[in-house]
C-alpha atoms as a PDB file:
ATOM      1  CA  UNK A   1     110.533  46.909  42.081  1.00  0.00           C
ATOM      2  CA  UNK A   2     111.150  43.247  42.888  1.00  0.00           C
ATOM      3  CA  UNK A   3     113.038  40.876  40.561  1.00  0.00           C
ATOM      4  CA  UNK A   4     112.559  37.128  41.054  1.00  0.00           C
ATOM      5  CA  UNK A   5     114.387  34.148  39.534  1.00  0.00           C
ATOM      6  CA  UNK A   6     113.015  30.618  39.229  1.00  0.00           C
ATOM      7  CA  UNK A   7     113.808  27.411  37.351  1.00  0.00           C
ATOM      8  CA  UNK A   8     110.234  26.164  37.745  1.00  0.00           C
ATOM      9  CA  UNK A   9     108.562  26.671  34.351  1.00  0.00           C
ATOM     10  CA  UNK A  10     105.107  25.755  35.624  1.00  0.00           C
ATOM     11  CA  UNK A  11     105.289  28.223  38.513  1.00  0.00           C
ATOM     12  CA  UNK A  12     106.620  30.934  36.204  1.00  0.00           C
ATOM     13  CA  UNK A  13     103.794  30.271  33.737  1.00  0.00           C
ATOM     14  CA  UNK A  14     101.182  30.600  36.467  1.00  0.00           C
ATOM     15  CA  UNK A  15     102.705  33.818  37.783  1.00  0.00           C
ATOM     16  CA  UNK A  16     103.681  35.624  34.592  1.00  0.00           C
ATOM     17  CA  UNK A  17     101.321  34.497  31.822  1.00  0.00           C
ATOM     18  CA  UNK A  18      98.395  36.687  32.970  1.00  0.00           C
ATOM     19  CA  UNK A  19     100.694  39.607  32.138  1.00  0.00           C
ATOM     20  CA  UNK A  20     102.193  38.177  28.942  1.00  0.00           C
ATOM     21  CA  UNK A  21      98.875  37.033  27.489  1.00  0.00           C
ATOM     22  CA  UNK A  22      97.772  40.654  27.211  1.00  0.00           C
ATOM     23  CA  UNK A  23      99.768  40.519  23.960  1.00  0.00           C
ATOM     24  CA  UNK A  24     100.536  36.884  23.102  1.00  0.00           C
ATOM     25  CA  UNK A  25     102.024  37.824  19.725  1.00  0.00           C
ATOM     26  CA  UNK A  26     104.545  40.283  21.163  1.00  0.00           C
ATOM     27  CA  UNK A  27     105.565  37.731  23.796  1.00  0.00           C
ATOM     28  CA  UNK A  28     105.314  34.657  21.575  1.00  0.00           C
ATOM     29  CA  UNK A  29     108.847  33.325  22.116  1.00  0.00           C
ATOM     30  CA  UNK A  30     108.812  33.464  25.907  1.00  0.00           C
ATOM     31  CA  UNK A  31     105.288  32.082  26.125  1.00  0.00           C
ATOM     32  CA  UNK A  32     105.974  29.299  23.652  1.00  0.00           C
ATOM     33  CA  UNK A  33     109.179  28.142  25.334  1.00  0.00           C
ATOM     34  CA  UNK A  34     107.874  28.353  28.874  1.00  0.00           C
ATOM     35  CA  UNK A  35     104.624  26.594  28.024  1.00  0.00           C
ATOM     36  CA  UNK A  36     106.515  23.791  26.267  1.00  0.00           C
ATOM     37  CA  UNK A  37     108.739  23.247  29.297  1.00  0.00           C
ATOM     38  CA  UNK A  38     105.866  23.434  31.759  1.00  0.00           C
ATOM     39  CA  UNK A  39     103.839  20.932  29.738  1.00  0.00           C
ATOM     40  CA  UNK A  40     106.605  18.421  29.046  1.00  0.00           C
ATOM     41  CA  UNK A  41     107.368  17.462  32.634  1.00  0.00           C
ATOM     42  CA  UNK A  42     110.957  16.755  31.551  1.00  0.00           C
ATOM     43  CA  UNK A  43     113.950  17.577  33.728  1.00  0.00           C
ATOM     44  CA  UNK A  44     116.903  18.981  31.773  1.00  0.00           C
ATOM     45  CA  UNK A  45     120.522  18.386  32.733  1.00  0.00           C
ATOM     46  CA  UNK A  46     120.991  22.154  32.935  1.00  0.00           C
ATOM     47  CA  UNK A  47     118.332  24.366  34.537  1.00  0.00           C
ATOM     48  CA  UNK A  48     116.464  27.168  32.836  1.00  0.00           C
ATOM     49  CA  UNK A  49     116.318  30.508  34.578  1.00  0.00           C
ATOM     50  CA  UNK A  50     113.148  32.539  34.290  1.00  0.00           C
ATOM     51  CA  UNK A  51     113.054  36.105  35.592  1.00  0.00           C
ATOM     52  CA  UNK A  52     109.969  38.127  36.478  1.00  0.00           C
ATOM     53  CA  UNK A  53     109.844  41.803  37.385  1.00  0.00           C
ATOM     54  CA  UNK A  54     107.187  42.895  39.865  1.00  0.00           C
ATOM     55  CA  UNK A  55     105.799  46.284  40.848  1.00  0.00           C
ATOM     56  CA  UNK A  56     103.908  45.494  44.005  1.00  0.00           C
ATOM     57  CA  UNK A  57     101.432  42.748  43.106  1.00  0.00           C
ATOM     58  CA  UNK A  58     101.693  43.389  39.366  1.00  0.00           C
ATOM     59  CA  UNK A  59     104.069  41.643  36.959  1.00  0.00           C
ATOM     60  CA  UNK A  60     105.616  44.251  34.647  1.00  0.00           C
ATOM     61  CA  UNK A  61     108.374  42.348  32.833  1.00  0.00           C
ATOM     62  CA  UNK A  62     109.807  38.922  32.075  1.00  0.00           C
ATOM     63  CA  UNK A  63     112.909  37.273  30.620  1.00  0.00           C
ATOM     64  CA  UNK A  64     114.252  33.752  30.188  1.00  0.00           C
ATOM     65  CA  UNK A  65     117.404  31.764  29.654  1.00  0.00           C
ATOM     66  CA  UNK A  66     116.997  28.165  28.544  1.00  0.00           C
ATOM     67  CA  UNK A  67     119.845  25.596  28.433  1.00  0.00           C
ATOM     68  CA  UNK A  68     122.449  26.317  25.792  1.00  0.00           C
ATOM     69  CA  UNK A  69     120.827  29.605  24.810  1.00  0.00           C
ATOM     70  CA  UNK A  70     121.396  33.278  25.432  1.00  0.00           C
ATOM     71  CA  UNK A  71     119.246  35.388  27.702  1.00  0.00           C
ATOM     72  CA  UNK A  72     116.074  36.446  25.907  1.00  0.00           C
ATOM     73  CA  UNK A  73     114.451  39.701  27.015  1.00  0.00           C
ATOM     74  CA  UNK A  74     111.774  39.988  24.340  1.00  0.00           C
ATOM     75  CA  UNK A  75     109.850  43.216  24.818  1.00  0.00           C
ATOM     76  CA  UNK A  76     111.201  43.885  28.312  1.00  0.00           C
ATOM     77  CA  UNK A  77     110.929  47.617  29.119  1.00  0.00           C
ATOM     78  CA  UNK A  78     114.487  48.998  29.039  1.00  0.00           C
ATOM     79  CA  UNK A  79     114.235  50.535  32.516  1.00  0.00           C
ATOM     80  CA  UNK A  80     114.256  47.006  33.972  1.00  0.00           C
ATOM     81  CA  UNK A  81     117.250  45.748  31.983  1.00  0.00           C
ATOM     82  CA  UNK A  82     119.959  46.438  34.568  1.00  0.00           C
ATOM     83  CA  UNK A  83     117.993  44.774  37.358  1.00  0.00           C
ATOM     84  CA  UNK A  84     117.372  41.718  35.175  1.00  0.00           C
ATOM     85  CA  UNK A  85     121.088  41.608  34.301  1.00  0.00           C
ATOM     86  CA  UNK A  86     121.917  41.672  38.010  1.00  0.00           C
ATOM     87  CA  UNK A  87     119.556  38.760  38.589  1.00  0.00           C
ATOM     88  CA  UNK A  88     121.275  36.690  35.901  1.00  0.00           C
ATOM     89  CA  UNK A  89     124.724  37.684  37.135  1.00  0.00           C
ATOM     90  CA  UNK A  90     123.842  35.936  40.397  1.00  0.00           C
ATOM     91  CA  UNK A  91     123.014  32.580  38.739  1.00  0.00           C
ATOM     92  CA  UNK A  92     125.037  32.362  35.503  1.00  0.00           C
ATOM     93  CA  UNK A  93     128.802  31.847  35.645  1.00  0.00           C
ATOM     94  CA  UNK A  94     129.113  32.989  32.048  1.00  0.00           C
ATOM     95  CA  UNK A  95     126.931  34.159  29.193  1.00  0.00           C
ATOM     96  CA  UNK A  96     127.624  34.416  25.475  1.00  0.00           C
ATOM     97  CA  UNK A  97     124.838  36.815  24.536  1.00  0.00           C
ATOM     98  CA  UNK A  98     121.491  38.491  25.040  1.00  0.00           C
ATOM     99  CA  UNK A  99     118.604  39.210  22.672  1.00  0.00           C
ATOM    100  CA  UNK A 100     115.558  41.425  22.812  1.00  0.00           C
ATOM    101  CA  UNK A 101     114.296  44.951  22.303  1.00  0.00           C
ATOM    102  CA  UNK A 102     117.319  47.065  21.294  1.00  0.00           C
ATOM    103  CA  UNK A 103     117.391  49.546  24.223  1.00  0.00           C
ATOM    104  CA  UNK A 104     116.837  46.753  26.762  1.00  0.00           C
ATOM    105  CA  UNK A 105     119.396  44.399  25.195  1.00  0.00           C
ATOM    106  CA  UNK A 106     122.058  47.130  25.043  1.00  0.00           C
ATOM    107  CA  UNK A 107     121.457  48.217  28.628  1.00  0.00           C
ATOM    108  CA  UNK A 108     121.590  44.603  29.791  1.00  0.00           C
ATOM    109  CA  UNK A 109     124.861  44.081  27.883  1.00  0.00           C
ATOM    110  CA  UNK A 110     126.423  47.243  29.301  1.00  0.00           C
ATOM    111  CA  UNK A 111     125.545  46.154  32.817  1.00  0.00           C
ATOM    112  CA  UNK A 112     126.912  42.658  32.266  1.00  0.00           C
ATOM    113  CA  UNK A 113     130.194  43.962  30.875  1.00  0.00           C
ATOM    114  CA  UNK A 114     130.538  46.544  33.646  1.00  0.00           C
ATOM    115  CA  UNK A 115     130.363  43.807  36.275  1.00  0.00           C
ATOM    116  CA  UNK A 116     131.969  40.844  34.486  1.00  0.00           C
ATOM    117  CA  UNK A 117     134.224  42.588  31.987  1.00  0.00           C
ATOM    118  CA  UNK A 118     134.411  41.870  28.287  1.00  0.00           C
ATOM    119  CA  UNK A 119     132.763  43.513  25.301  1.00  0.00           C
ATOM    120  CA  UNK A 120     129.348  43.580  23.686  1.00  0.00           C
ATOM    121  CA  UNK A 121     128.760  43.499  19.931  1.00  0.00           C
ATOM    122  CA  UNK A 122     125.440  43.758  18.130  1.00  0.00           C
ATOM    123  CA  UNK A 123     125.353  40.871  15.648  1.00  0.00           C
ATOM    124  CA  UNK A 124     121.842  40.529  14.223  1.00  0.00           C
ATOM    125  CA  UNK A 125     118.542  42.338  13.846  1.00  0.00           C
ATOM    126  CA  UNK A 126     115.168  40.624  13.607  1.00  0.00           C
ATOM    127  CA  UNK A 127     111.654  41.923  13.063  1.00  0.00           C
ATOM    128  CA  UNK A 128     108.452  40.466  14.468  1.00  0.00           C
ATOM    129  CA  UNK A 129     105.513  40.713  12.073  1.00  0.00           C
ATOM    130  CA  UNK A 130     101.834  40.217  12.843  1.00  0.00           C
ATOM    131  CA  UNK A 131      99.336  39.321  10.157  1.00  0.00           C
ATOM    132  CA  UNK A 132      96.946  42.052   9.146  1.00  0.00           C
ATOM    133  CA  UNK A 133      94.760  40.921   6.237  1.00  0.00           C
ATOM    134  CA  UNK A 134      95.950  37.783   4.478  1.00  0.00           C
ATOM    135  CA  UNK A 135      96.695  38.055   0.760  1.00  0.00           C
ATOM    136  CA  UNK A 136      97.159  34.556  -0.734  1.00  0.00           C
ATOM    137  CA  UNK A 137     100.303  34.141  -2.832  1.00  0.00           C
ATOM    138  CA  UNK A 138     100.609  31.636  -5.657  1.00  0.00           C
ATOM    139  CA  UNK A 139     103.325  29.545  -7.289  1.00  0.00           C
ATOM    140  CA  UNK A 140     103.587  26.507  -9.497  1.00  0.00           C
ATOM    141  CA  UNK A 141     102.700  23.404  -7.485  1.00  0.00           C
ATOM    142  CA  UNK A 142     100.625  22.832  -4.357  1.00  0.00           C
ATOM    143  CA  UNK A 143     100.886  22.488  -0.570  1.00  0.00           C
ATOM    144  CA  UNK A 144     100.572  19.323   1.500  1.00  0.00           C
ATOM    145  CA  UNK A 145     101.450  18.131   4.974  1.00  0.00           C
ATOM    146  CA  UNK A 146     104.819  16.556   5.622  1.00  0.00           C
ATOM    147  CA  UNK A 147     104.761  12.795   5.063  1.00  0.00           C
ATOM    148  CA  UNK A 148     106.128   9.922   7.163  1.00  0.00           C
ATOM    149  CA  UNK A 149     109.047   9.265   4.812  1.00  0.00           C
ATOM    150  CA  UNK A 150     110.238  12.899   4.862  1.00  0.00           C
ATOM    151  CA  UNK A 151     111.723  13.042   8.372  1.00  0.00           C
ATOM    152  CA  UNK A 152     115.282  12.853   7.061  1.00  0.00           C
ATOM    153  CA  UNK A 153     114.593  15.402   4.319  1.00  0.00           C
ATOM    154  CA  UNK A 154     113.021  17.904   6.704  1.00  0.00           C
ATOM    155  CA  UNK A 155     115.774  17.294   9.249  1.00  0.00           C
ATOM    156  CA  UNK A 156     118.482  17.895   6.627  1.00  0.00           C
ATOM    157  CA  UNK A 157     116.797  21.110   5.492  1.00  0.00           C
ATOM    158  CA  UNK A 158     116.594  22.272   9.105  1.00  0.00           C
ATOM    159  CA  UNK A 159     120.283  21.533   9.598  1.00  0.00           C
ATOM    160  CA  UNK A 160     121.169  23.417   6.407  1.00  0.00           C
ATOM    161  CA  UNK A 161     119.135  26.489   7.246  1.00  0.00           C
ATOM    162  CA  UNK A 162     118.815  26.704  11.021  1.00  0.00           C
ATOM    163  CA  UNK A 163     121.709  24.841  12.647  1.00  0.00           C
ATOM    164  CA  UNK A 164     122.511  27.694  15.035  1.00  0.00           C
ATOM    165  CA  UNK A 165     118.925  28.171  16.158  1.00  0.00           C
ATOM    166  CA  UNK A 166     118.084  24.485  16.575  1.00  0.00           C
ATOM    167  CA  UNK A 167     121.383  23.315  18.005  1.00  0.00           C
ATOM    168  CA  UNK A 168     121.093  19.671  16.892  1.00  0.00           C
ATOM    169  CA  UNK A 169     118.626  16.773  17.209  1.00  0.00           C
ATOM    170  CA  UNK A 170     117.263  17.581  13.756  1.00  0.00           C
ATOM    171  CA  UNK A 171     115.541  14.227  13.281  1.00  0.00           C
ATOM    172  CA  UNK A 172     113.770  14.475  16.655  1.00  0.00           C
ATOM    173  CA  UNK A 173     112.730  18.006  15.719  1.00  0.00           C
ATOM    174  CA  UNK A 174     111.351  16.769  12.400  1.00  0.00           C
ATOM    175  CA  UNK A 175     109.558  13.882  14.127  1.00  0.00           C
ATOM    176  CA  UNK A 176     107.850  16.363  16.460  1.00  0.00           C
ATOM    177  CA  UNK A 177     106.561  18.360  13.504  1.00  0.00           C
ATOM    178  CA  UNK A 178     105.336  15.179  11.855  1.00  0.00           C
ATOM    179  CA  UNK A 179     103.523  14.084  15.010  1.00  0.00           C
ATOM    180  CA  UNK A 180     101.805  17.434  15.520  1.00  0.00           C
ATOM    181  CA  UNK A 181     101.113  18.060  11.819  1.00  0.00           C
ATOM    182  CA  UNK A 182     102.838  21.423  11.968  1.00  0.00           C
ATOM    183  CA  UNK A 183     105.104  21.103   8.927  1.00  0.00           C
ATOM    184  CA  UNK A 184     103.897  21.774   5.394  1.00  0.00           C
ATOM    185  CA  UNK A 185     105.669  20.976   2.139  1.00  0.00           C
ATOM    186  CA  UNK A 186     105.316  22.717  -1.212  1.00  0.00           C
ATOM    187  CA  UNK A 187     105.445  20.160  -4.017  1.00  0.00           C
ATOM    188  CA  UNK A 188     106.187  20.996  -7.656  1.00  0.00           C
ATOM    189  CA  UNK A 189     106.560  18.447 -10.455  1.00  0.00           C
ATOM    190  CA  UNK A 190     106.305  15.665  -7.897  1.00  0.00           C
ATOM    191  CA  UNK A 191     109.230  17.005  -5.854  1.00  0.00           C
ATOM    192  CA  UNK A 192     109.359  18.602  -2.401  1.00  0.00           C
ATOM    193  CA  UNK A 193     110.764  22.082  -3.028  1.00  0.00           C
ATOM    194  CA  UNK A 194     110.096  24.109   0.133  1.00  0.00           C
ATOM    195  CA  UNK A 195     108.950  23.713   3.739  1.00  0.00           C
ATOM    196  CA  UNK A 196     107.114  25.948   6.191  1.00  0.00           C
ATOM    197  CA  UNK A 197     106.412  24.961   9.770  1.00  0.00           C
ATOM    198  CA  UNK A 198     104.633  26.642  12.629  1.00  0.00           C
ATOM    199  CA  UNK A 199     104.508  26.450  16.395  1.00  0.00           C
ATOM    200  CA  UNK A 200     101.487  25.152  18.252  1.00  0.00           C
ATOM    201  CA  UNK A 201      99.266  27.979  19.516  1.00  0.00           C
ATOM    202  CA  UNK A 202      99.806  29.506  22.928  1.00  0.00           C
ATOM    203  CA  UNK A 203      96.942  31.712  24.063  1.00  0.00           C
ATOM    204  CA  UNK A 204      95.712  31.980  20.493  1.00  0.00           C
ATOM    205  CA  UNK A 205      98.999  33.011  18.849  1.00  0.00           C
ATOM    206  CA  UNK A 206     100.862  30.841  16.317  1.00  0.00           C
ATOM    207  CA  UNK A 207     104.375  31.650  15.160  1.00  0.00           C
ATOM    208  CA  UNK A 208     105.168  30.658  11.575  1.00  0.00           C
ATOM    209  CA  UNK A 209     108.598  29.146  11.013  1.00  0.00           C
ATOM    210  CA  UNK A 210     110.938  27.811  10.022  1.00  0.00           C
ATOM    211  CA  UNK A 211     110.674  28.685   6.343  1.00  0.00           C
ATOM    212  CA  UNK A 212     113.230  27.012   4.071  1.00  0.00           C
ATOM    213  CA  UNK A 213     113.760  26.481   0.370  1.00  0.00           C
ATOM    214  CA  UNK A 214     116.933  24.791  -0.923  1.00  0.00           C
ATOM    215  CA  UNK A 215     119.145  27.275  -2.817  1.00  0.00           C
ATOM    216  CA  UNK A 216     118.564  25.615  -6.188  1.00  0.00           C
ATOM    217  CA  UNK A 217     114.771  25.966  -5.763  1.00  0.00           C
ATOM    218  CA  UNK A 218     114.660  29.609  -4.730  1.00  0.00           C
ATOM    219  CA  UNK A 219     113.196  32.585  -6.637  1.00  0.00           C
ATOM    220  CA  UNK A 220     110.161  30.589  -7.745  1.00  0.00           C
ATOM    221  CA  UNK A 221     107.716  31.905  -5.143  1.00  0.00           C
ATOM    222  CA  UNK A 222     107.421  28.586  -3.318  1.00  0.00           C
ATOM    223  CA  UNK A 223     108.136  29.892   0.190  1.00  0.00           C
ATOM    224  CA  UNK A 224     105.756  32.836  -0.149  1.00  0.00           C
ATOM    225  CA  UNK A 225     102.937  30.680  -1.483  1.00  0.00           C
ATOM    226  CA  UNK A 226     103.437  28.064   1.219  1.00  0.00           C
ATOM    227  CA  UNK A 227     103.686  30.669   3.973  1.00  0.00           C
ATOM    228  CA  UNK A 228     100.379  32.197   2.908  1.00  0.00           C
ATOM    229  CA  UNK A 229      98.809  28.713   2.853  1.00  0.00           C
ATOM    230  CA  UNK A 230     100.087  27.871   6.343  1.00  0.00           C
ATOM    231  CA  UNK A 231      98.872  31.258   7.535  1.00  0.00           C
ATOM    232  CA  UNK A 232      95.411  30.477   6.196  1.00  0.00           C
ATOM    233  CA  UNK A 233      95.475  27.188   8.126  1.00  0.00           C
ATOM    234  CA  UNK A 234      96.359  29.053  11.321  1.00  0.00           C
ATOM    235  CA  UNK A 235      93.527  31.514  10.796  1.00  0.00           C
ATOM    236  CA  UNK A 236      91.088  28.670  10.084  1.00  0.00           C
ATOM    237  CA  UNK A 237      91.965  27.231  13.498  1.00  0.00           C
ATOM    238  CA  UNK A 238      90.940  30.523  15.095  1.00  0.00           C
ATOM    239  CA  UNK A 239      94.447  31.732  15.939  1.00  0.00           C
ATOM    240  CA  UNK A 240      96.541  34.824  15.251  1.00  0.00           C
ATOM    241  CA  UNK A 241      99.567  34.459  12.978  1.00  0.00           C
ATOM    242  CA  UNK A 242     102.989  36.023  13.372  1.00  0.00           C
ATOM    243  CA  UNK A 243     106.534  35.441  12.164  1.00  0.00           C
ATOM    244  CA  UNK A 244     110.094  36.712  12.498  1.00  0.00           C
ATOM    245  CA  UNK A 245     112.381  37.860   9.710  1.00  0.00           C
ATOM    246  CA  UNK A 246     116.062  38.685   9.501  1.00  0.00           C
ATOM    247  CA  UNK A 247     116.401  42.425   8.873  1.00  0.00           C
ATOM    248  CA  UNK A 248     119.414  41.676   6.690  1.00  0.00           C
ATOM    249  CA  UNK A 249     117.168  39.774   4.252  1.00  0.00           C
ATOM    250  CA  UNK A 250     115.044  42.371   2.405  1.00  0.00           C
ATOM    251  CA  UNK A 251     113.606  39.721   0.064  1.00  0.00           C
ATOM    252  CA  UNK A 252     111.829  37.799   2.803  1.00  0.00           C
ATOM    253  CA  UNK A 253     110.578  40.994   4.423  1.00  0.00           C
ATOM    254  CA  UNK A 254     109.076  42.047   1.079  1.00  0.00           C
ATOM    255  CA  UNK A 255     107.411  38.671   0.481  1.00  0.00           C
ATOM    256  CA  UNK A 256     105.782  38.523   3.900  1.00  0.00           C
ATOM    257  CA  UNK A 257     104.561  42.096   3.494  1.00  0.00           C
ATOM    258  CA  UNK A 258     102.911  41.034   0.241  1.00  0.00           C
ATOM    259  CA  UNK A 259     101.166  38.204   2.127  1.00  0.00           C
ATOM    260  CA  UNK A 260      99.719  40.667   4.624  1.00  0.00           C
ATOM    261  CA  UNK A 261     102.213  40.670   7.500  1.00  0.00           C
ATOM    262  CA  UNK A 262     103.014  44.007   9.109  1.00  0.00           C
ATOM    263  CA  UNK A 263     105.944  44.961  11.393  1.00  0.00           C
ATOM    264  CA  UNK A 264     105.190  44.856  15.115  1.00  0.00           C
ATOM    265  CA  UNK A 265     108.581  45.119  16.856  1.00  0.00           C
ATOM    266  CA  UNK A 266     112.328  44.959  16.184  1.00  0.00           C
ATOM    267  CA  UNK A 267     114.848  43.013  18.254  1.00  0.00           C
ATOM    268  CA  UNK A 268     118.617  42.560  18.262  1.00  0.00           C
ATOM    269  CA  UNK A 269     121.135  39.895  19.253  1.00  0.00           C
ATOM    270  CA  UNK A 270     124.161  41.057  21.213  1.00  0.00           C
ATOM    271  CA  UNK A 271     127.264  38.869  21.563  1.00  0.00           C
ATOM    272  CA  UNK A 272     129.113  39.044  24.879  1.00  0.00           C
ATOM    273  CA  UNK A 273     132.816  38.176  24.902  1.00  0.00           C
ATOM    274  CA  UNK A 274     135.157  37.949  27.888  1.00  0.00           C
END
């Protein structure tokens, strides 16, 4: 087994994507992030570190760590977790966490703590769902694309619901969705009441999210209806649809099941403290 580290997103994409694209839904986060970096041509102040695991000429695993984020293992086979941890130990002075398949994430965390000290605590569970057969959901109102004058609204909703995940630059994030027409709004009684975005397709897989409804507008079915509409748009473009849910939120898991999404894999976040 050979473990390689690179900060070159384009080179990593060329080397690893033939392996990852065998299941673009399962590997949607790594593929989406790497492809975005490789396509942008931008140079970040802090490098990303992409890790590939090789068995002879074949790639058998991958992981990534982008600036300001934790290491993401995705569906890395657990038997490679310690070797991947060793690779990151060589390039990262510190690390606040790791996420991925539970056995792999826990083995990575144990290895990190054994060599660097500290403790590991599981903090969150998420579930990746893949659409089976779409069942449209309905609610009062109708869907439409985000409009030019809604950048601040969408940005404020993103900050309210996803500050930790997005890390700032909410208006730029909203502008990107406006430019690419990847943010939909549910409108009821002339008011925007919910939003659902999606990521541009990578090898035919589109990840739905974020999904957000202000607290005072919840329990009206807006998010479910809009998610099913956005899903239909993704299917009409010839792509597969998937999404993540928080395992601690049984309501959202139930709604997406009603729309036709079925569980594919579970992942955890593990916090590392010195």
